[in-house]
Each structure stands twice: as C-alpha cells, then as structure tokens.
C-alpha atoms as a PDB file:
ATOM      1  CA  MET A   1     113.205 101.653  98.812  1.00  0.00           C
ATOM      2  CA  LYS A   2     112.651 104.735  96.648  1.00  0.00           C
ATOM      3  CA  ALA A   3     109.543 103.347  94.933  1.00  0.00           C
ATOM      4  CA  TYR A   4     108.167 102.188  98.289  1.00  0.00           C
ATOM      5  CA  ARG A   5     108.829 105.584  99.908  1.00  0.00           C
ATOM      6  CA  GLN A   6     107.280 107.438  96.983  1.00  0.00           C
ATOM      7  CA  SER A   7     104.196 105.225  97.078  1.00  0.00           C
ATOM      8  CA  ILE A   8     103.754 106.158 100.746  1.00  0.00           C
ATOM      9  CA  VAL A   9     104.176 109.848  99.890  1.00  0.00           C
ATOM     10  CA  LEU A  10     101.400 109.544  97.303  1.00  0.00           C
ATOM     11  CA  ASP A  11      99.173 107.691  99.738  1.00  0.00           C
ATOM     12  CA  LEU A  12      99.699 110.376 102.367  1.00  0.00           C
ATOM     13  CA  VAL A  13      98.977 113.345 100.091  1.00  0.00           C
ATOM     14  CA  ASP A  14      95.915 111.566  98.703  1.00  0.00           C
ATOM     15  CA  ARG A  15      94.497 111.018 102.205  1.00  0.00           C
ATOM     16  CA  GLU A  16      95.603 114.106 104.146  1.00  0.00           C
ATOM     17  CA  ALA A  17      96.044 117.827 103.623  1.00  0.00           C
ATOM     18  CA  ILE A  18      99.823 118.101 104.018  1.00  0.00           C
ATOM     19  CA  SER A  19     101.155 121.582 103.383  1.00  0.00           C
ATOM     20  CA  SER A  20     104.862 121.373 104.253  1.00  0.00           C
ATOM     21  CA  GLN A  21     107.811 119.094 103.673  1.00  0.00           C
ATOM     22  CA  GLU A  22     108.399 118.893 107.419  1.00  0.00           C
ATOM     23  CA  GLN A  23     104.835 117.732 107.998  1.00  0.00           C
ATOM     24  CA  LEU A  24     105.256 115.142 105.244  1.00  0.00           C
ATOM     25  CA  ARG A  25     108.597 114.022 106.707  1.00  0.00           C
ATOM     26  CA  ARG A  26     106.952 113.503 110.133  1.00  0.00           C
ATOM     27  CA  ARG A  27     104.120 111.466 108.570  1.00  0.00           C
ATOM     28  CA  LEU A  28     106.658 109.284 106.755  1.00  0.00           C
ATOM     29  CA  HIS A  29     108.615 108.819 109.988  1.00  0.00           C
ATOM     30  CA  ALA A  30     105.403 107.696 111.727  1.00  0.00           C
ATOM     31  CA  ARG A  31     105.129 104.989 109.052  1.00  0.00           C
ATOM     32  CA  GLY A  32     108.687 103.871 109.707  1.00  0.00           C
ATOM     33  CA  VAL A  33     110.359 105.664 106.814  1.00  0.00           C
ATOM     34  CA  ALA A  34     113.245 107.953 107.718  1.00  0.00           C
ATOM     35  CA  VAL A  35     113.990 110.519 105.013  1.00  0.00           C
ATOM     36  CA  THR A  36     116.118 113.640 104.715  1.00  0.00           C
ATOM     37  CA  GLN A  37     114.701 116.951 103.540  1.00  0.00           C
ATOM     38  CA  ALA A  38     116.806 116.777 100.355  1.00  0.00           C
ATOM     39  CA  THR A  39     115.504 113.313  99.475  1.00  0.00           C
ATOM     40  CA  LEU A  40     111.939 114.360 100.211  1.00  0.00           C
ATOM     41  CA  SER A  41     112.348 117.421  98.018  1.00  0.00           C
ATOM     42  CA  ARG A  42     113.571 115.207  95.139  1.00  0.00           C
ATOM     43  CA  ASP A  43     110.642 112.823  95.669  1.00  0.00           C
ATOM     44  CA  ILE A  44     108.161 115.697  95.490  1.00  0.00           C
ATOM     45  CA  LYS A  45     109.723 116.901  92.245  1.00  0.00           C
ATOM     46  CA  GLU A  46     109.890 113.417  90.686  1.00  0.00           C
ATOM     47  CA  LEU A  47     106.282 112.693  91.626  1.00  0.00           C
ATOM     48  CA  GLY A  48     105.212 116.012  90.122  1.00  0.00           C
ATOM     49  CA  LEU A  49     103.362 117.051  93.272  1.00  0.00           C
ATOM     50  CA  VAL A  50     101.862 120.520  93.254  1.00  0.00           C
ATOM     51  CA  LYS A  51     100.383 122.735  95.941  1.00  0.00           C
ATOM     52  CA  ARG A  52      96.648 123.278  95.751  1.00  0.00           C
ATOM     53  CA  ALA A  53      95.549 126.898  95.547  1.00  0.00           C
ATOM     54  CA  ALA A  54      92.661 126.376  97.961  1.00  0.00           C
ATOM     55  CA  ASP A  55      94.603 125.184 101.007  1.00  0.00           C
ATOM     56  CA  GLY A  56      98.285 125.000 100.041  1.00  0.00           C
ATOM     57  CA  ALA A  57      98.370 121.225 100.514  1.00  0.00           C
ATOM     58  CA  TYR A  58     100.361 118.919  98.246  1.00  0.00           C
ATOM     59  CA  SER A  59      98.448 116.968  95.624  1.00  0.00           C
ATOM     60  CA  ARG A  60      99.016 115.031  92.460  1.00  0.00           C
ATOM     61  CA  PRO A  61      99.028 117.216  89.357  1.00  0.00           C
ATOM     62  CA  GLY A  62      95.675 117.769  87.707  1.00  0.00           C
ATOM     63  CA  PRO A  63      94.744 116.684  84.193  1.00  0.00           C
ATOM     64  CA  GLY A  64      96.429 119.570  82.385  1.00  0.00           C
ATOM     65  CA  ALA A  65      99.170 119.979  79.836  1.00  0.00           C
ATOM     66  CA  ALA A  66     101.786 120.674  82.513  1.00  0.00           C
ATOM     67  CA  ALA A  67     100.954 117.391  84.227  1.00  0.00           C
ATOM     68  CA  GLY A  68     101.335 115.545  80.929  1.00  0.00           C
ATOM     69  CA  VAL A  69     104.761 117.078  80.363  1.00  0.00           C
ATOM     70  CA  VAL A  70     105.854 116.075  83.874  1.00  0.00           C
ATOM     71  CA  ARG A  71     104.638 112.489  83.361  1.00  0.00           C
ATOM     72  CA  ASP A  72     106.339 112.220  79.966  1.00  0.00           C
ATOM     73  CA  THR A  73     109.628 113.519  81.366  1.00  0.00           C
ATOM     74  CA  GLN A  74     109.449 111.123  84.301  1.00  0.00           C
ATOM     75  CA  LEU A  75     108.724 108.182  81.996  1.00  0.00           C
ATOM     76  CA  ARG A  76     111.599 109.010  79.653  1.00  0.00           C
ATOM     77  CA  ARG A  77     113.952 109.304  82.633  1.00  0.00           C
ATOM     78  CA  ALA A  78     112.758 105.991  84.104  1.00  0.00           C
ATOM     79  CA  VAL A  79     113.092 104.178  80.760  1.00  0.00           C
ATOM     80  CA  ALA A  80     116.613 105.553  80.225  1.00  0.00           C
ATOM     81  CA  GLU A  81     117.618 104.595  83.758  1.00  0.00           C
ATOM     82  CA  TYR A  82     115.963 101.182  84.230  1.00  0.00           C
ATOM     83  CA  LEU A  83     115.113  99.518  80.907  1.00  0.00           C
ATOM     84  CA  ARG A  84     117.657  96.953  79.718  1.00  0.00           C
ATOM     85  CA  ARG A  85     115.808  94.850  77.121  1.00  0.00           C
ATOM     86  CA  ILE A  86     112.405  94.569  75.430  1.00  0.00           C
ATOM     87  CA  THR A  87     110.812  91.424  74.030  1.00  0.00           C
ATOM     88  CA  ARG A  88     107.515  91.658  72.130  1.00  0.00           C
ATOM     89  CA  VAL A  89     105.055  88.759  72.031  1.00  0.00           C
ATOM     90  CA  GLN A  90     102.044  89.828  69.954  1.00  0.00           C
ATOM     91  CA  GLN A  91     100.362  92.594  72.005  1.00  0.00           C
ATOM     92  CA  LEU A  92     102.540  92.004  75.088  1.00  0.00           C
ATOM     93  CA  LEU A  93     105.850  93.662  75.896  1.00  0.00           C
ATOM     94  CA  VAL A  94     108.225  92.059  78.375  1.00  0.00           C
ATOM     95  CA  LEU A  95     110.518  94.752  79.759  1.00  0.00           C
ATOM     96  CA  ARG A  96     113.667  93.599  81.554  1.00  0.00           C
ATOM     97  CA  THR A  97     115.494  95.668  84.167  1.00  0.00           C
ATOM     98  CA  ASP A  98     118.228  95.086  86.694  1.00  0.00           C
ATOM     99  CA  PRO A  99     117.024  93.455  89.949  1.00  0.00           C
ATOM    100  CA  GLY A 100     114.775  95.700  92.027  1.00  0.00           C
ATOM    101  CA  GLN A 101     114.111  98.188  89.225  1.00  0.00           C
ATOM    102  CA  ALA A 102     110.968  96.825  87.593  1.00  0.00           C
ATOM    103  CA  GLN A 103     108.579  98.435  90.084  1.00  0.00           C
ATOM    104  CA  PRO A 104     109.787 102.022  89.552  1.00  0.00           C
ATOM    105  CA  LEU A 105     109.601 101.506  85.792  1.00  0.00           C
ATOM    106  CA  ALA A 106     106.080 100.048  86.011  1.00  0.00           C
ATOM    107  CA  VAL A 107     104.967 102.967  88.200  1.00  0.00           C
ATOM    108  CA  ALA A 108     106.372 105.496  85.705  1.00  0.00           C
ATOM    109  CA  ILE A 109     104.580 103.730  82.843  1.00  0.00           C
ATOM    110  CA  ASP A 110     101.295 103.657  84.764  1.00  0.00           C
ATOM    111  CA  ARG A 111     101.561 107.336  85.719  1.00  0.00           C
ATOM    112  CA  ALA A 112     102.327 108.370  82.140  1.00  0.00           C
ATOM    113  CA  LEU A 113      98.796 107.302  81.127  1.00  0.00           C
ATOM    114  CA  LEU A 114      99.960 106.171  77.686  1.00  0.00           C
ATOM    115  CA  PRO A 115      97.009 105.470  75.381  1.00  0.00           C
ATOM    116  CA  GLU A 116      98.789 102.344  74.053  1.00  0.00           C
ATOM    117  CA  VAL A 117      99.013 100.765  77.505  1.00  0.00           C
ATOM    118  CA  VAL A 118      96.119  98.701  78.836  1.00  0.00           C
ATOM    119  CA  GLY A 119      98.012  97.728  81.993  1.00  0.00           C
ATOM    120  CA  THR A 120     101.277  96.693  83.602  1.00  0.00           C
ATOM    121  CA  ILE A 121     102.453  94.070  86.052  1.00  0.00           C
ATOM    122  CA  GLY A 122     105.800  94.705  87.707  1.00  0.00           C
ATOM    123  CA  GLY A 123     107.963  92.083  89.357  1.00  0.00           C
ATOM    124  CA  ASP A 124     111.541  92.358  90.595  1.00  0.00           C
ATOM    125  CA  ASP A 125     113.350  92.615  87.260  1.00  0.00           C
ATOM    126  CA  THR A 126     110.501  92.247  84.754  1.00  0.00           C
ATOM    127  CA  VAL A 127     107.527  94.368  83.719  1.00  0.00           C
ATOM    128  CA  LEU A 128     104.724  92.841  81.681  1.00  0.00           C
ATOM    129  CA  LEU A 129     103.091  95.572  79.630  1.00  0.00           C
ATOM    130  CA  VAL A 130      99.797  94.846  77.854  1.00  0.00           C
ATOM    131  CA  THR A 131      98.725  96.794  74.747  1.00  0.00           C
ATOM    132  CA  PRO A 132      95.485  96.483  72.758  1.00  0.00           C
ATOM    133  CA  ASP A 133      97.130  94.931  69.686  1.00  0.00           C
ATOM    134  CA  GLY A 134     100.407  93.926  68.078  1.00  0.00           C
ATOM    135  CA  ARG A 135     100.734  97.091  65.986  1.00  0.00           C
ATOM    136  CA  ARG A 136     100.604  99.371  69.026  1.00  0.00           C
ATOM    137  CA  ALA A 137     102.947  97.046  70.914  1.00  0.00           C
ATOM    138  CA  ARG A 138     105.490  97.298  68.096  1.00  0.00           C
ATOM    139  CA  THR A 139     105.215 101.109  67.954  1.00  0.00           C
ATOM    140  CA  LEU A 140     105.555 101.453  71.720  1.00  0.00           C
ATOM    141  CA  ALA A 141     108.515  99.045  71.822  1.00  0.00           C
ATOM    142  CA  ARG A 142     110.350 101.171  69.248  1.00  0.00           C
ATOM    143  CA  ARG A 143     109.667 104.360  71.209  1.00  0.00           C
ATOM    144  CA  LEU A 144     110.857 102.810  74.484  1.00  0.00           C
ATOM    145  CA  GLU A 145     114.020 101.507  72.795  1.00  0.00           C
ATOM    146  CA  VAL A 146     114.838 105.000  71.519  1.00  0.00           C
ATOM    147  CA  TRP A 147     114.308 106.466  74.999  1.00  0.00           C
ATOM    148  CA  ALA A 148     116.402 103.712  76.577  1.00  0.00           C
ATOM    149  CA  LYS A 149     119.298 104.614  74.303  1.00  0.00           C
ATOM    150  CA  GLY A 150     118.906 108.281  75.246  1.00  0.00           C
ATOM    151  CA  ARG A 151     118.045 109.473  71.743  1.00  0.00           C
ATOM    152  CA  GLY A 152     114.487 110.529  72.398  1.00  0.00           C
END
C-alpha cells in the first residue's frame, strides 16, 4: 500500500501545483486513498519532495547534490529493510525480498539513478536488476550486500 500511495503522490505533484499537505491529502482521498497527516508527512520526506521557490508547490528534487544525497539515503534504507538475498547471473542481479516488498525496493533503485543500473523489473518478492556487464554487476552486488547487513 505504501508504494502504491507514494506513486500516486508523485503522480499528483508531477501533474498539479499542490502547495499544502491538506491539499495533497484531499487529492489522495479523491483517488480513494485515505491517509493521515503524519503518514503523508513521512511520505513527503521519504520521497524527498521539496517546495518550489516560484509557487511553493511540492515537486521532486532537482538534479543537485542534495537530491543525490536524499536518493542515496533512501536506497540504503530500502536495501537494509527489504533485501534478503542476491543472486548474480552474468550482468543480471536477482534480488529477493519478503512478499510484497520488491516494488518499493525497485522504486528506490530506480530513483537512485545508479550509473551501474540499466533497468529494473519488480515483481512481488523479486527484483530483476540489469547492469551493463558482469564486472559492474559483481561490484553492485557487493555494495548492496554491505548495505543489507547495515555496514554501509
């Protein structure tokens, strides 16, 4: 539900100028998603949404260093929380999660804009991650394993 709700939040802020949490909460409710202010506040923080200077509306972070730090932190958190096992097959990584947790992990990987990642496909408990070659797959697998164990 969280990944679904957050995807709707992103869709809304991409399409409309939404300048308050209450306005965002009402838009979510209109789409059939009931959410508390506290949950919405956490979603905004986790998604790294910022307020635009021009109109005060929420938006995704721009391509700056702060946005990169937010994405990296979110990815590390998602890996530590969801990743259970990694299997490498040449330039492919098969990431296993508990049921229902592959989508949030795939979203975090996609948002992190890792240079080693060509693309992801997320199922229910499996993420297929494609890298350009076996060397980069091996390096990325090691990094993800460290983060999953909470040492990174």
